Amino acid sequence: MRNRRAAMVLALVLVATLAMRHPSADLRIQLHDPRDLTPHRVQAALDVGVMAVSVLVTWTSRRFG
């Protein structure tokens, strides 16, 4: 009787665990604010980022190359 009760409790815990909604990751990259009327700022920010990476790669290749 005691084993049956423990098995029932374990089964209920397992069913409750499976019934719960598992969290899901919601990864979004916001590249443009919909309220921004000048999307050229986004392009300019990306261009500056690419330029900065280019300069960094150029400097490190000269130093370590």
Protein backbone atom coordinates (compact mmCIF):
# COMPACT_ATOMS: atom_id res chain seq x y z
CA MET A 1 0.00 0.00 0.00
CA ARG A 2 2.82 2.39 0.88
CA ASN A 3 4.67 1.66 -2.37
CA ARG A 4 1.50 2.21 -4.39
CA ARG A 5 0.96 5.62 -2.76
CA ALA A 6 4.56 6.63 -3.44
CA ALA A 7 4.23 5.49 -7.06
CA MET A 8 1.02 7.52 -7.47
CA VAL A 9 2.66 10.63 -6.02
CA LEU A 10 5.64 10.15 -8.31
CA ALA A 11 3.35 9.69 -11.32
CA LEU A 12 1.42 12.87 -10.44
CA VAL A 13 4.63 14.83 -10.07
CA LEU A 14 5.85 13.58 -13.45
CA VAL A 15 2.55 14.43 -15.15
CA ALA A 16 2.55 17.90 -13.55
CA THR A 17 6.14 18.44 -14.70
CA LEU A 18 5.29 17.44 -18.26
CA ALA A 19 2.14 19.58 -18.26
CA MET A 20 3.98 22.75 -17.31
CA ARG A 21 4.91 25.02 -20.17
CA HIS A 22 8.63 25.07 -20.68
CA PRO A 23 10.24 28.48 -21.14
CA SER A 24 11.41 29.29 -24.62
CA ALA A 25 14.05 31.75 -25.67
CA ASP A 26 12.85 34.75 -27.61
CA LEU A 27 15.92 36.25 -29.21
CA ARG A 28 15.32 39.29 -31.34
CA ILE A 29 17.85 41.72 -32.69
CA GLN A 30 16.37 45.17 -33.04
CA LEU A 31 18.19 46.82 -35.91
CA HIS A 32 15.65 49.52 -36.57
CA ASP A 33 13.26 51.41 -34.35
CA PRO A 34 9.87 51.58 -36.12
CA ARG A 35 9.39 55.15 -34.88
CA ASP A 36 12.69 56.23 -36.45
CA LEU A 37 11.91 58.10 -39.64
CA THR A 38 15.55 58.11 -40.74
CA PRO A 39 16.72 54.53 -41.29
CA HIS A 40 19.95 55.90 -42.73
CA ARG A 41 21.20 56.19 -39.15
CA VAL A 42 21.04 52.41 -38.88
CA GLN A 43 23.06 52.00 -42.04
CA ALA A 44 25.57 54.57 -40.82
CA ALA A 45 25.94 52.74 -37.50
CA LEU A 46 26.56 49.47 -39.33
CA ASP A 47 29.10 51.13 -41.62
CA VAL A 48 30.98 52.57 -38.64
CA GLY A 49 30.99 49.14 -36.99
CA VAL A 50 32.37 47.48 -40.12
CA MET A 51 35.02 50.17 -40.42
CA ALA A 52 36.04 49.72 -36.77
CA VAL A 53 36.42 45.97 -37.23
CA SER A 54 38.41 46.56 -40.40
CA VAL A 55 40.79 48.92 -38.61
CA LEU A 56 41.16 46.50 -35.71
CA VAL A 57 41.99 43.62 -38.05
CA THR A 58 44.48 45.77 -39.96
CA TRP A 59 46.29 46.89 -36.81
CA THR A 60 46.46 43.43 -35.29
CA SER A 61 47.68 41.84 -38.52
CA ARG A 62 50.57 44.30 -38.72
CA ARG A 63 51.48 43.79 -35.09
CA PHE A 64 51.29 39.99 -35.03
CA GLY A 65 51.97 39.22 -38.67
